[in-house]
Amino acid sequence: MPLFISYSHADKDFVDRLATQLVAHKVNVWLDRWEMHVGESIIDRIQRAIMDASALLVILSPESVESEWCKKELNSGLIRELEERQIVVLPVLVRDCTIPMFLREKLYADFRTNFDDGLRTILEAVAKVTNEWRNRLETPTWHTDWAIDWGETDEGIAILRLTLVEVAENQPYSVLTVISLIPGPYANAWYRVMAEQRQEDVARRMVVEGLSAELKRIDFRVLLEDQFPKSTSIPFSIESGDYTANITTRLLGTDTGRDVLFDTAQQIDGIKTQMQLAAAQRLENA
């Protein structure tokens, strides 16, 4: 998930330098001048960007604290903090100004005297607001963007869904994988109890960990020979009950004439590890 930068255009030069340094440190940044295109709805794009961001980097200067637009962006971030009960707004002080009341109790990154010290503070803070349910796996030859969502069927069955898009570096194709995790009756009842106890995060993590263990055990991979999807159902169990993983994988993009072996077990193991790290960081930061 990207880091949204809220700022006054009076601070454009500083923001350009900061954003460039963040990208150099492999931080995904959303900056209006980089992302917006002529004819787009400013309100709609920024609203979506704020809701999808891992955090809001709020640039504090005399101009930004007086900007009505910046105030709206800050309020949106603070509302997310209240709803999600985790840190979303990260203040950045670039010039002396009157800090907004609801930010005064927060530790801010101070760039007034030393840019490198301020940048180090931001990088440490960003590491603590990683979204457990959406991220990117990266290697020198490919990267995979992934997300987890959840919901219930009309019959009241709680389903988890993992969506992965692997992009091979310097190759004209990508691989799409969708995994639906279907609980058996006992596992479904357990999940509902966990939800009532506000332990859904723990439950979801346990299910993904169970899937990862089973795929590693059988060394599950998919050989993709054409554009048609390959589907497989794999049963597995965790302490809370039985699950079925319905896995569909397909090639997208240019046909290179070569088969592609997709290592599903490796991908899910990487996702599991990122989830665990994000959960640990959030607990440490609570």
Protein backbone atom coordinates (compact mmCIF):
# COMPACT_ATOMS: atom_id res chain seq x y z
CA MET A 1 0.00 0.00 0.00
CA PRO A 2 1.33 3.45 -0.86
CA LEU A 3 2.26 6.24 1.51
CA PHE A 4 0.02 9.27 0.83
CA ILE A 5 1.75 12.65 1.11
CA SER A 6 -0.48 15.55 2.17
CA TYR A 7 1.16 18.93 1.61
CA SER A 8 0.81 22.52 0.49
CA HIS A 9 2.29 23.31 -2.92
CA ALA A 10 4.34 25.98 -1.18
CA ASP A 11 6.44 23.02 0.04
CA LYS A 12 6.72 21.43 -3.41
CA ASP A 13 10.54 21.43 -3.55
CA PHE A 14 10.87 19.77 -0.15
CA VAL A 15 8.17 17.20 -0.99
CA ASP A 16 9.86 16.30 -4.29
CA ARG A 17 13.14 15.68 -2.47
CA LEU A 18 11.44 13.67 0.27
CA ALA A 19 9.37 11.57 -2.15
CA THR A 20 12.44 10.81 -4.26
CA GLN A 21 14.36 9.63 -1.20
CA LEU A 22 11.44 7.47 -0.02
CA VAL A 23 11.19 5.79 -3.44
CA ALA A 24 14.95 5.18 -3.34
CA HIS A 25 14.35 3.32 -0.06
CA LYS A 26 11.64 1.21 -1.77
CA VAL A 27 8.71 3.02 -0.15
CA ASN A 28 5.63 3.12 -2.39
CA VAL A 29 4.57 6.79 -2.50
CA TRP A 30 1.32 8.41 -3.67
CA LEU A 31 1.94 12.01 -4.70
CA ASP A 32 -0.79 13.95 -6.51
CA ARG A 33 1.52 15.40 -9.16
CA TRP A 34 2.83 11.91 -9.94
CA GLU A 35 -0.51 10.12 -10.00
CA MET A 36 -3.17 12.55 -11.25
CA HIS A 37 -4.02 12.98 -14.93
CA VAL A 38 -5.86 15.68 -16.82
CA GLY A 39 -9.63 15.26 -16.64
CA GLU A 40 -9.71 13.08 -13.53
CA SER A 41 -11.89 13.94 -10.55
CA ILE A 42 -9.53 15.35 -7.92
CA ILE A 43 -11.88 14.59 -5.03
CA ASP A 44 -12.54 11.00 -6.10
CA ARG A 45 -8.88 10.15 -6.77
CA ILE A 46 -7.61 11.65 -3.53
CA GLN A 47 -10.41 10.09 -1.48
CA ARG A 48 -9.57 6.64 -2.89
CA ALA A 49 -5.85 7.23 -2.38
CA ILE A 50 -6.34 8.19 1.28
CA MET A 51 -8.53 5.16 1.97
CA ASP A 52 -6.07 2.80 0.25
CA ALA A 53 -2.91 4.30 1.77
CA SER A 54 -0.91 2.50 4.44
CA ALA A 55 -0.40 5.89 6.11
CA LEU A 56 -0.69 9.64 5.53
CA LEU A 57 2.50 11.67 5.68
CA VAL A 58 1.26 15.12 6.74
CA ILE A 59 3.72 17.90 5.87
CA LEU A 60 3.48 20.70 8.47
CA SER A 61 4.40 24.25 7.48
CA PRO A 62 2.76 27.69 7.91
CA GLU A 63 1.03 27.27 4.53
CA SER A 64 -0.18 23.69 4.98
CA VAL A 65 -1.79 24.23 8.41
CA GLU A 66 -3.82 27.08 6.88
CA SER A 67 -4.79 25.13 3.76
CA GLU A 68 -8.43 23.99 3.77
CA TRP A 69 -7.56 21.13 1.45
CA CYS A 70 -4.78 19.90 3.74
CA LYS A 71 -7.16 20.13 6.70
CA LYS A 72 -9.63 17.86 4.89
CA GLU A 73 -6.90 15.31 4.14
CA LEU A 74 -5.73 15.39 7.77
CA ASN A 75 -9.28 14.90 9.05
CA SER A 76 -9.73 11.90 6.75
CA GLY A 77 -6.58 10.34 8.15
CA LEU A 78 -7.62 10.97 11.75
CA ILE A 79 -11.03 9.38 11.08
CA ARG A 80 -9.24 6.29 9.75
CA GLU A 81 -7.16 6.16 12.94
CA LEU A 82 -10.31 6.18 15.07
CA GLU A 83 -12.02 3.53 12.96
CA GLU A 84 -9.03 1.23 12.51
CA ARG A 85 -7.49 1.82 15.96
CA GLN A 86 -3.97 2.03 14.58
CA ILE A 87 -1.52 4.73 13.54
CA VAL A 88 -2.37 6.23 10.14
CA VAL A 89 -1.21 9.88 10.35
CA LEU A 90 2.54 10.56 10.46
CA PRO A 91 3.37 14.28 11.02
CA VAL A 92 6.40 15.83 9.31
CA LEU A 93 7.56 19.24 10.53
CA VAL A 94 9.49 21.17 7.88
CA ARG A 95 9.13 24.74 9.17
CA ASP A 96 7.99 26.31 12.43
CA CYS A 97 4.21 26.56 12.54
CA THR A 98 1.22 26.05 14.82
CA ILE A 99 0.77 22.28 14.96
CA PRO A 100 -2.91 21.23 14.66
CA MET A 101 -4.40 20.29 18.03
CA PHE A 102 -5.03 16.62 17.25
CA LEU A 103 -1.39 16.14 16.20
CA ARG A 104 0.24 17.74 19.22
CA GLU A 105 0.51 14.50 21.18
CA LYS A 106 2.17 12.69 18.27
CA LEU A 107 5.90 12.33 17.78
CA TYR A 108 6.79 14.04 14.50
CA ALA A 109 9.64 13.71 12.04
CA ASP A 110 11.63 16.95 12.37
CA PHE A 111 13.26 18.20 9.15
CA ARG A 112 13.91 21.74 10.36
CA THR A 113 17.62 21.22 10.99
CA ASN A 114 18.67 17.89 9.45
CA PHE A 115 17.06 16.18 6.45
CA ASP A 116 18.73 12.80 6.99
CA ASP A 117 17.58 12.57 10.62
CA GLY A 118 14.03 13.37 9.59
CA LEU A 119 14.11 10.79 6.80
CA ARG A 120 15.39 8.12 9.19
CA THR A 121 12.46 8.83 11.54
CA ILE A 122 9.97 8.46 8.70
CA LEU A 123 11.46 5.18 7.47
CA GLU A 124 11.25 3.73 10.98
CA ALA A 125 7.63 4.87 11.30
CA VAL A 126 6.60 3.51 7.90
CA ALA A 127 7.91 0.08 8.86
CA LYS A 128 5.36 0.04 11.69
CA VAL A 129 2.25 0.79 9.65
CA THR A 130 2.47 -2.01 7.11
CA ASN A 131 -0.92 -3.46 6.20
CA GLU A 132 -1.13 -7.10 7.20
CA TRP A 133 -3.63 -7.90 4.44
CA ARG A 134 -2.01 -6.28 1.42
CA ASN A 135 1.63 -6.07 0.35
CA ARG A 136 4.25 -6.89 -2.26
CA LEU A 137 6.79 -9.73 -2.46
CA GLU A 138 9.95 -8.73 -4.30
CA THR A 139 12.94 -10.58 -5.76
CA PRO A 140 15.50 -9.50 -8.39
CA THR A 141 13.57 -11.34 -11.15
CA TRP A 142 9.89 -10.91 -10.20
CA HIS A 143 7.49 -9.21 -7.81
CA THR A 144 4.05 -10.27 -6.58
CA ASP A 145 1.32 -7.91 -5.44
CA TRP A 146 -1.19 -9.62 -3.17
CA ALA A 147 -4.24 -8.92 -1.06
CA ILE A 148 -6.58 -10.84 1.23
CA ASP A 149 -10.29 -10.15 1.53
CA TRP A 150 -13.11 -11.92 3.34
CA GLY A 151 -16.87 -12.19 3.58
CA GLU A 152 -19.82 -14.54 4.05
CA THR A 153 -22.00 -16.49 1.65
CA ASP A 154 -25.78 -16.32 1.83
CA GLU A 155 -25.56 -19.53 3.86
CA GLY A 156 -23.37 -17.88 6.49
CA ILE A 157 -20.09 -19.55 5.49
CA ALA A 158 -17.06 -17.35 6.21
CA ILE A 159 -14.72 -17.36 3.21
CA LEU A 160 -11.20 -15.97 2.87
CA ARG A 161 -9.84 -15.08 -0.56
CA LEU A 162 -6.23 -14.49 -1.57
CA THR A 163 -5.47 -12.71 -4.85
CA LEU A 164 -1.91 -12.68 -6.23
CA VAL A 165 -0.47 -11.06 -9.36
CA GLU A 166 3.10 -12.07 -10.14
CA VAL A 167 4.96 -9.88 -12.63
CA ALA A 168 8.18 -11.25 -14.11
CA GLU A 169 10.87 -8.60 -14.54
CA ASN A 170 11.77 -8.00 -18.22
CA GLN A 171 9.03 -10.39 -19.36
CA PRO A 172 5.78 -9.47 -21.15
CA TYR A 173 3.47 -11.58 -19.00
CA SER A 174 2.07 -11.91 -15.49
CA VAL A 175 0.45 -14.69 -13.45
CA LEU A 176 -2.90 -14.30 -11.70
CA THR A 177 -3.81 -16.62 -8.81
CA VAL A 178 -7.04 -16.59 -6.82
CA ILE A 179 -7.39 -18.85 -3.76
CA SER A 180 -10.72 -19.26 -1.96
CA LEU A 181 -10.50 -20.84 1.49
CA ILE A 182 -13.74 -22.63 2.40
CA PRO A 183 -14.23 -23.83 6.01
CA GLY A 184 -15.94 -27.01 7.06
CA PRO A 185 -18.84 -26.77 9.57
CA TYR A 186 -16.66 -26.94 12.68
CA ALA A 187 -14.10 -24.47 11.33
CA ASN A 188 -16.89 -22.10 10.29
CA ALA A 189 -18.39 -22.18 13.79
CA TRP A 190 -14.94 -21.53 15.28
CA TYR A 191 -14.41 -18.53 12.99
CA ARG A 192 -17.73 -17.05 14.07
CA VAL A 193 -16.78 -17.37 17.73
CA MET A 194 -13.44 -15.66 16.99
CA ALA A 195 -15.29 -12.86 15.22
CA GLU A 196 -17.60 -12.37 18.19
CA GLN A 197 -14.50 -12.06 20.39
CA ARG A 198 -13.00 -9.53 17.94
CA GLN A 199 -10.22 -11.98 17.09
CA GLU A 200 -10.85 -12.15 13.34
CA ASP A 201 -7.27 -11.07 12.58
CA VAL A 202 -5.89 -13.97 14.59
CA ALA A 203 -8.28 -16.41 12.92
CA ARG A 204 -7.41 -15.27 9.41
CA ARG A 205 -3.71 -15.49 10.15
CA MET A 206 -4.08 -19.04 11.47
CA VAL A 207 -5.92 -20.13 8.31
CA VAL A 208 -3.25 -18.69 6.01
CA GLU A 209 -0.51 -20.28 8.13
CA GLY A 210 -2.29 -23.63 7.81
CA LEU A 211 -2.56 -23.26 4.04
CA SER A 212 1.12 -22.34 3.80
CA ALA A 213 2.17 -25.38 5.81
CA GLU A 214 0.15 -27.72 3.58
CA LEU A 215 1.39 -26.24 0.31
CA LYS A 216 4.99 -26.47 1.52
CA ARG A 217 4.42 -30.08 2.60
CA ILE A 218 3.26 -31.12 -0.88
CA ASP A 219 5.55 -28.63 -2.67
CA PHE A 220 2.59 -27.30 -4.66
CA ARG A 221 3.40 -25.71 -8.04
CA VAL A 222 1.39 -25.08 -11.18
CA LEU A 223 2.67 -25.60 -14.73
CA LEU A 224 1.07 -23.01 -17.04
CA GLU A 225 1.22 -23.92 -20.73
CA ASP A 226 -1.39 -21.60 -22.26
CA GLN A 227 -3.91 -18.87 -21.35
CA PHE A 228 -6.45 -21.26 -19.87
CA PRO A 229 -6.78 -21.32 -16.07
CA LYS A 230 -5.59 -24.29 -14.03
CA SER A 231 -7.79 -25.12 -11.03
CA THR A 232 -7.09 -27.39 -8.06
CA SER A 233 -8.81 -28.12 -4.73
CA ILE A 234 -6.55 -28.91 -1.78
CA PRO A 235 -7.89 -29.96 1.64
CA PHE A 236 -6.00 -29.00 4.79
CA SER A 237 -6.62 -28.80 8.51
CA ILE A 238 -5.77 -26.51 11.39
CA GLU A 239 -6.58 -26.96 15.06
CA SER A 240 -9.96 -25.28 14.58
CA GLY A 241 -11.15 -27.61 11.80
CA ASP A 242 -10.96 -28.51 8.13
CA TYR A 243 -10.64 -26.21 5.12
CA THR A 244 -10.61 -26.56 1.35
CA ALA A 245 -8.40 -24.31 -0.76
CA ASN A 246 -9.80 -23.78 -4.27
CA ILE A 247 -6.83 -22.52 -6.30
CA THR A 248 -7.07 -21.06 -9.81
CA THR A 249 -3.97 -19.85 -11.67
CA ARG A 250 -3.61 -18.43 -15.17
CA LEU A 251 -1.19 -16.60 -17.46
CA LEU A 252 -1.92 -13.06 -18.65
CA GLY A 253 -0.17 -10.96 -21.26
CA THR A 254 1.99 -11.84 -24.24
CA ASP A 255 2.45 -15.49 -25.25
CA THR A 256 6.21 -16.10 -25.28
CA GLY A 257 5.83 -19.71 -26.38
CA ARG A 258 7.34 -20.91 -23.11
CA ASP A 259 5.73 -22.76 -20.23
CA VAL A 260 5.75 -21.05 -16.83
CA LEU A 261 6.10 -22.93 -13.53
CA PHE A 262 4.36 -20.99 -10.76
CA ASP A 263 5.62 -21.85 -7.27
CA THR A 264 2.42 -21.41 -5.26
CA ALA A 265 3.94 -22.81 -2.06
CA GLN A 266 6.78 -20.27 -2.12
CA GLN A 267 4.41 -17.39 -2.78
CA ILE A 268 2.02 -18.26 0.07
CA ASP A 269 4.94 -18.80 2.43
CA GLY A 270 6.17 -15.30 1.61
CA ILE A 271 2.71 -13.85 2.21
CA LYS A 272 2.46 -15.67 5.55
CA THR A 273 5.80 -14.23 6.64
CA GLN A 274 4.85 -10.68 5.67
CA MET A 275 1.55 -11.00 7.56
CA GLN A 276 3.33 -12.20 10.68
CA LEU A 277 5.87 -9.37 10.52
CA ALA A 278 3.15 -6.75 10.02
CA ALA A 279 1.15 -8.13 12.95
CA ALA A 280 4.23 -8.12 15.17
CA GLN A 281 5.05 -4.52 14.18
CA ARG A 282 1.51 -3.38 14.92
CA LEU A 283 1.56 -5.10 18.32
CA GLU A 284 4.91 -3.50 19.14
CA ASN A 285 3.54 -0.11 18.12
CA ALA A 286 0.27 -0.43 20.07
